[in-house]
Amino acid sequence: MESYFIENKLSELQPQMEIIADDIGTNGYSSTRLSELGFIIKAYDLHSKEMDAFTDQSSLSRKERKLNLPFTEEDIQQAIKPYVSKILSGGQVAIITNLEVFGGDSILIGQPIRSEGHLIGGLFLIKLVSDYSSAQTGFYFTIILTASLALILTLYIIYRVIRSMINPILDMTSSSEAMARGEYGVRVQETGYGELGDLARSLNILTSQLEQNHQASLKLEQVRRDYVANVTHELRTPLASIRAMSETLCDNMLVDEEGKQRFYHSILHESLSLQRLINDMLELSRLQSGSSAIQKVNTSPAQLMERLSTRFTVLAEDMDIRFTITENAYHMPDFFGHEDRIEQVFTILLDNAFKFTEPEGKVTIDANWNDTCIYLSVTDTGMGIDMEDLPYVFERFYKSDKSHAGPGTGLGLSLAKEILTQLNESISVEATGTGTRFIFTLHRSIKS
């Protein structure tokens, strides 16, 4: 930069020297203030004698002009001596050279003086490079300040741009680390640009799915634990009873035949309960695994209703319960389903209804329909179901009595729901105020 600065000054001064030389050649003098600015400027004739050619110095005596010069006349002539012959032969000099008499690098410009085409002398200008130190310092300061401001501005812009890229990446890194720790509730801001925004959205989707899978896994684990606990509970009671009665019989603690027969009947009853529980579990497992295919066909409900009436009317009379199948149920349209499976659903719901209905109560089968569906209901006037228990009645081993001491396996309603699910039907339960009503759907027959 120093070299550029000095060469720039040299290129600025050379045209000025040409103008001054032309003025001297034309008028015999020229006006310049370069000497007042620290320049050594001299004009010499062909005999190497100094010419009095500057009007701004005319008011000064030669002695005073010599006093204003930083160097002696001899020093100046010695400095320009190597270049005089070139100038007086019509050439030009514009160089930066080391002038030993001045003690450092200097600008030296030599220009021939012509009058009416004839060479009459030479014009010389000398300026120490060191005299520009203050100007160079200002120039350097300006350059450094400008460069610093440009650098700061550039760094600020880069910082703002990079921050908009780095912050989402840091957020995603933090979110990934949280997911690795099993914390799936974290989310990242979806404010990144372009691919970063897409990546943030994808990461949030992944986090949501992992959270859902985690919750499902926890729920499945809880279901597994409840299932094992319920199975254990359901098996423990009849097995303990069978074992106790068997030990009593084996130890000959009963001597009367009537007591033995009572124990034999109890063992048989508990064995049948165990068999029913195991059968229900296997049936539910087959349905849920899809290994038990259900073929749907167009079915007439008349024979189904007759069988239900014959089977449960006797039971109702024994339990002093009024059992009714409405005219709508007897004359409902044909449905598209599986007759045996629908009879199984009715059996489960009616067994449940009779079990919880007191003597002189009522159990009713009713039906209504529209163009596409038949809505069948089984209503009882039993003890009812608490509102807080309604959402859970179709879960496996659900019993309204929390001690699980009531009759039944607790799998019946789960089995009924699974059968209807396999048939693409639905089932629901509601409290009537005086009992419970189960409602399930059947699609009407498909016309060929």
Protein backbone atom coordinates (compact mmCIF):
# COMPACT_ATOMS: atom_id res chain seq x y z
CA MET A 1 0.00 0.00 0.00
CA GLU A 2 2.92 2.33 0.68
CA SER A 3 4.26 1.70 -2.79
CA TYR A 4 0.83 2.29 -4.29
CA PHE A 5 0.46 5.55 -2.34
CA ILE A 6 3.86 6.95 -3.46
CA GLU A 7 3.38 5.91 -7.08
CA ASN A 8 0.00 7.55 -7.03
CA LYS A 9 1.61 10.80 -5.83
CA LEU A 10 4.24 10.50 -8.55
CA SER A 11 1.56 10.16 -11.23
CA GLU A 12 -0.25 13.22 -9.81
CA LEU A 13 2.87 15.43 -9.80
CA GLN A 14 4.17 14.65 -13.28
CA PRO A 15 1.34 16.44 -15.16
CA GLN A 16 1.78 19.47 -12.90
CA MET A 17 5.48 19.56 -13.74
CA GLU A 18 4.67 19.49 -17.48
CA ILE A 19 2.35 22.50 -17.05
CA ILE A 20 4.98 24.43 -15.04
CA ALA A 21 7.64 23.66 -17.69
CA ASP A 22 5.34 24.90 -20.47
CA ASP A 23 4.61 28.12 -18.55
CA ILE A 24 8.32 28.82 -18.07
CA GLY A 25 9.09 28.09 -21.71
CA THR A 26 6.25 30.36 -22.91
CA ASN A 27 6.32 33.20 -20.37
CA GLY A 28 9.73 32.86 -18.77
CA TYR A 29 8.16 32.23 -15.40
CA SER A 30 5.44 30.18 -13.66
CA SER A 31 3.38 30.43 -10.53
CA THR A 32 3.48 27.46 -8.12
CA ARG A 33 3.24 26.92 -4.41
CA LEU A 34 4.89 23.50 -4.40
CA SER A 35 7.92 24.88 -2.56
CA GLU A 36 5.66 26.03 0.26
CA LEU A 37 4.35 22.45 0.51
CA GLY A 38 7.82 21.08 1.17
CA PHE A 39 8.78 20.27 -2.43
CA ILE A 40 12.23 21.14 -3.76
CA ILE A 41 11.56 22.59 -7.23
CA LYS A 42 14.39 24.05 -9.38
CA ALA A 43 14.75 25.27 -12.96
CA TYR A 44 18.20 25.27 -14.61
CA ASP A 45 19.35 26.59 -17.97
CA LEU A 46 21.58 24.76 -20.40
CA HIS A 47 24.64 25.92 -18.43
CA SER A 48 23.34 24.37 -15.18
CA LYS A 49 22.63 27.78 -13.71
CA GLU A 50 19.48 28.23 -11.67
CA MET A 51 16.74 30.17 -13.41
CA ASP A 52 14.66 32.75 -11.54
CA ALA A 53 11.41 31.38 -12.95
CA PHE A 54 8.88 31.29 -10.05
CA THR A 55 6.79 34.36 -9.33
CA ASP A 56 5.76 33.23 -5.83
CA GLN A 57 9.42 33.39 -4.82
CA SER A 58 10.22 36.75 -6.55
CA SER A 59 9.63 38.71 -3.38
CA LEU A 60 12.23 36.67 -1.54
CA SER A 61 15.92 37.32 -1.84
CA ARG A 62 18.14 34.52 -3.02
CA LYS A 63 19.59 34.29 0.47
CA GLU A 64 16.13 33.93 2.02
CA ARG A 65 15.17 31.28 -0.56
CA LYS A 66 18.28 29.33 0.35
CA LEU A 67 17.37 29.55 4.00
CA ASN A 68 13.93 28.04 3.23
CA LEU A 69 15.45 25.01 1.52
CA PRO A 70 15.98 21.92 3.70
CA PHE A 71 19.19 21.13 1.81
CA THR A 72 22.02 23.11 0.31
CA GLU A 73 22.25 23.98 -3.35
CA GLU A 74 25.18 21.65 -3.65
CA ASP A 75 23.14 18.77 -2.23
CA ILE A 76 20.38 19.40 -4.74
CA GLN A 77 22.75 19.59 -7.71
CA GLN A 78 24.53 16.43 -6.58
CA ALA A 79 21.16 14.63 -6.33
CA ILE A 80 20.00 15.61 -9.83
CA LYS A 81 23.41 15.37 -11.49
CA PRO A 82 22.91 11.79 -12.81
CA TYR A 83 19.74 12.93 -14.61
CA VAL A 84 20.70 16.36 -15.97
CA SER A 85 22.11 15.05 -19.22
CA LYS A 86 18.92 13.12 -19.94
CA ILE A 87 16.70 16.14 -19.25
CA LEU A 88 18.86 18.54 -21.26
CA SER A 89 18.76 16.11 -24.15
CA GLY A 90 14.95 16.37 -24.15
CA GLY A 91 14.09 13.32 -22.06
CA GLN A 92 11.91 13.00 -18.95
CA VAL A 93 12.51 11.49 -15.53
CA ALA A 94 9.81 10.35 -13.08
CA ILE A 95 11.18 7.88 -10.52
CA ILE A 96 11.28 6.94 -6.88
CA THR A 97 14.92 6.45 -5.98
CA ASN A 98 17.29 6.48 -3.05
CA LEU A 99 19.12 9.82 -2.96
CA GLU A 100 22.02 9.33 -0.58
CA VAL A 101 22.56 13.06 -0.05
CA PHE A 102 18.94 13.28 1.23
CA GLY A 103 19.28 10.16 3.34
CA GLY A 104 16.37 8.10 1.94
CA ASP A 105 13.94 7.31 -0.84
CA SER A 106 12.70 10.35 -2.73
CA ILE A 107 10.42 11.26 -5.58
CA LEU A 108 12.41 12.80 -8.42
CA ILE A 109 10.77 14.32 -11.50
CA GLY A 110 12.70 15.94 -14.31
CA GLN A 111 11.04 17.84 -17.19
CA PRO A 112 12.72 19.65 -20.15
CA ILE A 113 11.89 23.35 -20.67
CA ARG A 114 11.27 24.41 -24.29
CA SER A 115 10.70 27.84 -25.76
CA GLU A 116 9.39 28.02 -29.31
CA GLY A 117 10.49 24.44 -29.84
CA HIS A 118 14.01 25.01 -28.59
CA LEU A 119 15.36 23.38 -25.45
CA ILE A 120 16.33 26.12 -22.97
CA GLY A 121 16.72 24.24 -19.68
CA GLY A 122 15.36 21.66 -17.29
CA LEU A 123 12.87 21.61 -14.44
CA PHE A 124 13.42 19.35 -11.41
CA LEU A 125 11.25 18.40 -8.41
CA ILE A 126 12.41 16.43 -5.36
CA LYS A 127 10.28 15.21 -2.45
CA LEU A 128 11.36 12.90 0.34
CA VAL A 129 9.08 9.89 0.71
CA SER A 130 9.38 10.23 4.48
CA ASP A 131 7.59 13.61 4.23
CA TYR A 132 4.41 11.68 3.34
CA SER A 133 4.50 9.67 6.58
CA SER A 134 1.69 11.67 8.20
CA ALA A 135 -0.39 11.49 5.03
CA GLN A 136 0.32 7.78 4.78
CA THR A 137 -0.68 7.33 8.41
CA GLY A 138 -4.01 9.02 7.72
CA PHE A 139 -4.41 6.96 4.60
CA TYR A 140 -3.63 3.78 6.50
CA PHE A 141 -6.02 4.77 9.29
CA THR A 142 -8.79 5.39 6.77
CA ILE A 143 -8.14 2.09 5.04
CA ILE A 144 -7.94 0.16 8.33
CA LEU A 145 -11.07 1.85 9.70
CA THR A 146 -13.00 1.15 6.50
CA ALA A 147 -11.78 -2.43 6.41
CA SER A 148 -12.63 -2.92 10.08
CA LEU A 149 -16.15 -1.56 9.64
CA ALA A 150 -16.62 -3.72 6.55
CA LEU A 151 -15.31 -6.74 8.46
CA ILE A 152 -17.60 -6.07 11.43
CA LEU A 153 -20.59 -5.62 9.14
CA THR A 154 -19.70 -8.80 7.24
CA LEU A 155 -19.23 -10.76 10.46
CA TYR A 156 -22.56 -9.47 11.78
CA ILE A 157 -24.37 -10.51 8.59
CA ILE A 158 -22.64 -13.90 8.67
CA TYR A 159 -23.56 -14.27 12.35
CA ARG A 160 -27.23 -13.51 11.67
CA VAL A 161 -27.31 -15.93 8.74
CA ILE A 162 -25.42 -18.69 10.55
CA ARG A 163 -27.45 -18.22 13.73
CA SER A 164 -30.67 -18.84 11.80
CA MET A 165 -29.09 -22.11 10.66
CA ILE A 166 -27.25 -23.09 13.85
CA ASN A 167 -30.10 -22.51 16.34
CA PRO A 168 -32.49 -25.02 14.69
CA ILE A 169 -29.65 -27.54 14.48
CA LEU A 170 -28.88 -27.03 18.19
CA ASP A 171 -32.59 -27.41 19.02
CA MET A 172 -32.79 -30.61 16.98
CA THR A 173 -29.64 -31.93 18.66
CA SER A 174 -31.13 -31.21 22.08
CA SER A 175 -34.40 -32.86 21.05
CA SER A 176 -32.57 -35.94 19.78
CA GLU A 177 -30.66 -36.24 23.04
CA ALA A 178 -33.94 -35.92 24.98
CA MET A 179 -35.51 -38.67 22.87
CA ALA A 180 -32.47 -40.86 23.55
CA ARG A 181 -33.22 -40.38 27.27
CA GLY A 182 -36.83 -41.43 26.70
CA GLU A 183 -38.31 -37.91 26.86
CA TYR A 184 -40.74 -37.78 23.94
CA GLY A 185 -42.63 -34.61 24.90
CA VAL A 186 -40.02 -32.22 23.47
CA ARG A 187 -40.64 -30.35 20.21
CA VAL A 188 -38.42 -28.11 18.06
CA GLN A 189 -39.37 -24.80 16.45
CA GLU A 190 -40.34 -25.27 12.81
CA THR A 191 -38.96 -21.85 11.80
CA GLY A 192 -35.89 -22.96 9.86
CA TYR A 193 -35.52 -22.16 6.18
CA GLY A 194 -35.81 -24.72 3.41
CA GLU A 195 -34.43 -28.13 4.26
CA LEU A 196 -33.88 -27.16 7.93
CA GLY A 197 -37.61 -26.41 8.29
CA ASP A 198 -38.49 -29.72 6.61
CA LEU A 199 -36.05 -31.55 8.88
CA ALA A 200 -37.56 -29.88 11.99
CA ARG A 201 -41.08 -30.87 10.92
CA SER A 202 -39.96 -34.43 10.21
CA LEU A 203 -38.27 -34.61 13.61
CA ASN A 204 -41.45 -33.41 15.33
CA ILE A 205 -43.49 -36.03 13.45
CA LEU A 206 -40.97 -38.69 14.50
CA THR A 207 -41.12 -37.50 18.11
CA SER A 208 -44.93 -37.61 18.09
CA GLN A 209 -44.94 -41.13 16.69
CA LEU A 210 -42.35 -42.27 19.21
CA GLU A 211 -44.41 -40.71 21.99
CA GLN A 212 -47.53 -42.51 20.76
CA ASN A 213 -45.62 -45.79 20.48
CA HIS A 214 -44.20 -45.27 23.96
CA GLN A 215 -47.66 -44.63 25.41
CA ALA A 216 -49.01 -47.66 23.54
CA SER A 217 -46.13 -49.75 24.87
CA LEU A 218 -46.83 -48.61 28.43
CA LYS A 219 -50.52 -49.33 28.00
CA LEU A 220 -49.78 -52.75 26.50
CA GLU A 221 -47.46 -53.55 29.39
CA GLN A 222 -50.15 -52.50 31.86
CA VAL A 223 -52.73 -54.61 30.00
CA ARG A 224 -50.36 -57.57 30.12
CA ARG A 225 -49.86 -57.16 33.85
CA ASP A 226 -53.60 -56.77 34.45
CA TYR A 227 -54.28 -59.79 32.26
CA VAL A 228 -51.84 -61.97 34.18
CA ALA A 229 -53.21 -60.70 37.50
CA ASN A 230 -56.81 -61.30 36.44
CA VAL A 231 -56.10 -64.79 35.06
CA THR A 232 -54.24 -65.65 38.25
CA HIS A 233 -57.11 -64.34 40.34
CA GLU A 234 -59.74 -66.20 38.32
CA LEU A 235 -57.80 -69.47 38.48
CA ARG A 236 -56.78 -69.23 42.13
CA THR A 237 -60.26 -69.41 43.65
CA PRO A 238 -61.60 -72.57 41.89
CA LEU A 239 -58.23 -74.34 42.16
CA ALA A 240 -58.00 -73.56 45.87
CA SER A 241 -61.55 -74.80 46.34
CA ILE A 242 -60.91 -78.02 44.37
CA ARG A 243 -57.70 -78.65 46.31
CA ALA A 244 -59.33 -78.08 49.70
CA MET A 245 -62.27 -80.38 48.93
CA SER A 246 -59.98 -83.03 47.38
CA GLU A 247 -57.72 -83.03 50.46
CA THR A 248 -60.79 -83.38 52.68
CA LEU A 249 -62.01 -86.37 50.67
CA CYS A 250 -58.54 -87.94 50.54
CA ASP A 251 -58.18 -87.67 54.32
CA ASN A 252 -61.57 -89.42 54.80
CA MET A 253 -62.77 -86.52 56.91
CA LEU A 254 -66.29 -86.99 55.52
CA VAL A 255 -67.98 -90.18 56.54
CA ASP A 256 -71.53 -89.56 55.40
CA GLU A 257 -72.35 -90.19 51.75
CA GLU A 258 -74.43 -87.02 51.44
CA GLY A 259 -71.47 -84.81 52.40
CA LYS A 260 -69.22 -86.62 49.94
CA GLN A 261 -71.74 -86.14 47.13
CA ARG A 262 -71.97 -82.43 47.97
CA PHE A 263 -68.16 -82.12 47.68
CA TYR A 264 -68.17 -84.11 44.43
CA HIS A 265 -70.74 -81.75 42.94
CA SER A 266 -68.75 -78.73 44.11
CA ILE A 267 -65.57 -80.11 42.52
CA LEU A 268 -67.48 -80.73 39.29
CA HIS A 269 -68.91 -77.20 39.38
CA GLU A 270 -65.50 -75.62 39.92
CA SER A 271 -64.02 -77.79 37.15
CA LEU A 272 -66.72 -76.63 34.76
CA SER A 273 -66.02 -73.02 35.73
CA LEU A 274 -62.34 -73.53 34.96
CA GLN A 275 -63.19 -75.18 31.65
CA ARG A 276 -65.52 -72.30 30.75
CA LEU A 277 -62.84 -69.74 31.63
CA ILE A 278 -60.21 -71.53 29.53
CA ASN A 279 -62.61 -71.92 26.60
CA ASP A 280 -63.50 -68.22 26.71
CA MET A 281 -59.83 -67.25 26.82
CA LEU A 282 -59.00 -69.49 23.87
CA GLU A 283 -61.99 -68.24 21.89
CA LEU A 284 -61.10 -64.60 22.53
CA SER A 285 -57.47 -65.27 21.61
CA ARG A 286 -58.49 -66.95 18.32
CA LEU A 287 -60.77 -64.05 17.40
CA GLN A 288 -58.18 -61.38 18.20
CA SER A 289 -55.42 -63.19 16.30
CA GLY A 290 -57.63 -63.57 13.21
CA SER A 291 -57.17 -67.32 13.11
CA SER A 292 -60.92 -67.86 13.41
CA ALA A 293 -62.44 -66.80 10.10
CA ILE A 294 -66.11 -65.71 10.14
CA GLN A 295 -68.04 -66.08 6.90
CA LYS A 296 -70.98 -63.69 6.57
CA VAL A 297 -74.15 -64.71 4.70
CA ASN A 298 -77.71 -63.43 4.35
CA THR A 299 -79.56 -64.76 7.40
CA SER A 300 -83.23 -64.88 8.49
CA PRO A 301 -83.67 -64.03 12.21
CA ALA A 302 -86.87 -66.09 12.75
CA GLN A 303 -85.27 -69.36 13.84
CA LEU A 304 -82.67 -67.49 15.92
CA MET A 305 -85.38 -65.73 17.90
CA GLU A 306 -87.29 -69.00 18.41
CA ARG A 307 -84.21 -70.71 19.83
CA LEU A 308 -83.53 -67.80 22.18
CA SER A 309 -87.14 -67.81 23.32
CA THR A 310 -87.17 -71.56 24.01
CA ARG A 311 -83.84 -71.52 25.79
CA PHE A 312 -84.26 -68.51 28.06
CA THR A 313 -88.00 -68.69 28.78
CA VAL A 314 -87.43 -71.76 30.98
CA LEU A 315 -84.54 -70.01 32.74
CA ALA A 316 -86.68 -66.91 33.28
CA GLU A 317 -89.48 -68.95 34.86
CA ASP A 318 -87.04 -70.64 37.23
CA MET A 319 -85.61 -67.24 38.27
CA ASP A 320 -89.06 -65.58 38.42
CA ILE A 321 -87.98 -63.02 35.76
CA ARG A 322 -90.19 -61.83 32.91
CA PHE A 323 -88.44 -62.45 29.60
CA THR A 324 -89.86 -60.70 26.50
CA ILE A 325 -88.96 -60.70 22.80
CA THR A 326 -90.82 -57.84 21.12
CA GLU A 327 -92.73 -58.09 17.86
CA ASN A 328 -90.11 -55.88 16.21
CA ALA A 329 -87.42 -58.38 17.19
CA TYR A 330 -89.46 -61.32 15.87
CA HIS A 331 -90.18 -59.61 12.55
CA MET A 332 -86.97 -57.69 11.93
CA PRO A 333 -85.50 -57.85 8.38
CA ASP A 334 -82.92 -60.41 7.31
CA PHE A 335 -79.34 -59.50 8.22
CA PHE A 336 -75.93 -60.07 6.63
CA GLY A 337 -73.85 -61.91 9.21
CA HIS A 338 -73.09 -65.23 10.92
CA GLU A 339 -76.09 -66.80 12.69
CA ASP A 340 -74.14 -68.92 15.21
CA ARG A 341 -71.90 -65.99 16.21
CA ILE A 342 -74.87 -63.65 16.64
CA GLU A 343 -76.59 -66.29 18.78
CA GLN A 344 -73.39 -66.43 20.85
CA VAL A 345 -73.52 -62.66 21.33
CA PHE A 346 -77.19 -62.87 22.40
CA THR A 347 -76.34 -65.70 24.81
CA ILE A 348 -73.57 -63.64 26.44
CA LEU A 349 -75.77 -60.55 26.80
CA LEU A 350 -78.80 -62.51 28.10
CA ASP A 351 -76.67 -64.51 30.59
CA ASN A 352 -75.30 -61.22 31.82
CA ALA A 353 -78.77 -59.68 32.06
CA PHE A 354 -80.29 -62.64 33.96
CA LYS A 355 -77.32 -62.79 36.29
CA PHE A 356 -77.81 -59.23 37.55
CA THR A 357 -81.64 -59.05 37.49
CA GLU A 358 -83.54 -59.65 40.71
CA PRO A 359 -86.70 -61.84 40.86
CA GLU A 360 -89.79 -60.14 39.39
CA GLY A 361 -87.45 -58.12 37.18
CA LYS A 362 -87.61 -57.90 33.41
CA VAL A 363 -85.30 -58.76 30.47
CA THR A 364 -86.27 -57.61 26.97
CA ILE A 365 -84.97 -58.11 23.43
CA ASP A 366 -86.04 -55.35 21.03
CA ALA A 367 -85.13 -54.20 17.52
CA ASN A 368 -85.54 -51.27 15.13
CA TRP A 369 -83.93 -50.56 11.79
CA ASN A 370 -83.34 -48.20 8.89
CA ASP A 371 -82.43 -48.80 5.25
CA THR A 372 -78.95 -50.12 6.04
CA CYS A 373 -78.74 -51.25 9.68
CA ILE A 374 -80.69 -53.16 12.31
CA TYR A 375 -80.26 -51.98 15.92
CA LEU A 376 -80.80 -54.81 18.45
CA SER A 377 -81.00 -54.21 22.18
CA VAL A 378 -80.97 -56.34 25.34
CA THR A 379 -82.42 -54.44 28.30
CA ASP A 380 -82.66 -55.52 31.94
CA THR A 381 -83.98 -54.01 35.14
CA GLY A 382 -81.05 -55.23 37.21
CA MET A 383 -78.68 -53.42 39.54
CA GLY A 384 -77.27 -51.34 36.66
CA ILE A 385 -73.72 -50.19 36.05
CA ASP A 386 -72.08 -47.16 37.63
CA MET A 387 -71.38 -44.33 35.19
CA GLU A 388 -67.64 -44.47 35.90
CA ASP A 389 -67.61 -48.18 35.00
CA LEU A 390 -69.39 -47.84 31.64
CA PRO A 391 -66.22 -47.19 29.54
CA TYR A 392 -64.59 -50.37 30.84
CA VAL A 393 -67.36 -53.01 30.63
CA PHE A 394 -65.95 -54.52 27.42
CA GLU A 395 -62.45 -54.97 28.83
CA ARG A 396 -61.24 -58.46 29.64
CA PHE A 397 -62.02 -59.67 33.16
CA TYR A 398 -64.15 -56.62 33.89
CA LYS A 399 -66.61 -57.19 36.74
CA SER A 400 -68.80 -54.59 38.33
CA ASP A 401 -67.85 -55.94 41.74
CA LYS A 402 -64.23 -54.94 42.25
CA SER A 403 -63.52 -58.00 44.38
CA HIS A 404 -64.13 -60.29 41.37
CA ALA A 405 -66.22 -62.47 43.68
CA GLY A 406 -69.29 -62.50 41.45
CA PRO A 407 -70.25 -65.28 39.06
CA GLY A 408 -68.82 -65.48 35.54
CA THR A 409 -65.39 -65.29 34.01
CA GLY A 410 -65.36 -61.59 33.15
CA LEU A 411 -64.60 -62.43 29.52
CA GLY A 412 -68.13 -62.60 28.11
CA LEU A 413 -68.59 -58.96 27.11
CA SER A 414 -65.05 -58.81 25.71
CA LEU A 415 -65.86 -61.88 23.63
CA ALA A 416 -69.13 -60.36 22.39
CA LYS A 417 -67.38 -57.14 21.37
CA GLU A 418 -64.64 -59.04 19.55
CA ILE A 419 -67.20 -61.16 17.64
CA LEU A 420 -69.06 -58.04 16.49
CA THR A 421 -65.77 -56.32 15.59
CA GLN A 422 -64.86 -59.29 13.39
CA LEU A 423 -68.30 -58.93 11.75
CA ASN A 424 -67.67 -55.18 11.20
CA GLU A 425 -70.45 -54.34 13.63
CA SER A 426 -70.50 -52.22 16.79
CA ILE A 427 -71.79 -52.56 20.35
CA SER A 428 -72.42 -50.02 23.10
CA VAL A 429 -73.86 -49.90 26.60
CA GLU A 430 -75.96 -47.34 28.43
CA ALA A 431 -77.49 -46.97 31.86
CA THR A 432 -81.30 -46.69 31.72
CA GLY A 433 -81.85 -45.52 35.29
CA THR A 434 -83.61 -48.78 36.17
CA GLY A 435 -81.05 -51.14 34.69
CA THR A 436 -78.74 -51.54 31.72
CA ARG A 437 -79.19 -51.64 27.93
CA PHE A 438 -76.74 -53.18 25.46
CA ILE A 439 -77.19 -52.14 21.81
CA PHE A 440 -75.42 -53.71 18.83
CA THR A 441 -75.79 -53.37 15.08
CA LEU A 442 -76.35 -55.80 12.22
CA HIS A 443 -76.19 -54.79 8.58
CA ARG A 444 -79.21 -55.68 6.53
CA SER A 445 -79.01 -58.40 3.90
CA ILE A 446 -77.34 -57.65 0.61
CA LYS A 447 -79.82 -58.02 -2.23
CA SER A 448 -78.54 -60.06 -5.18
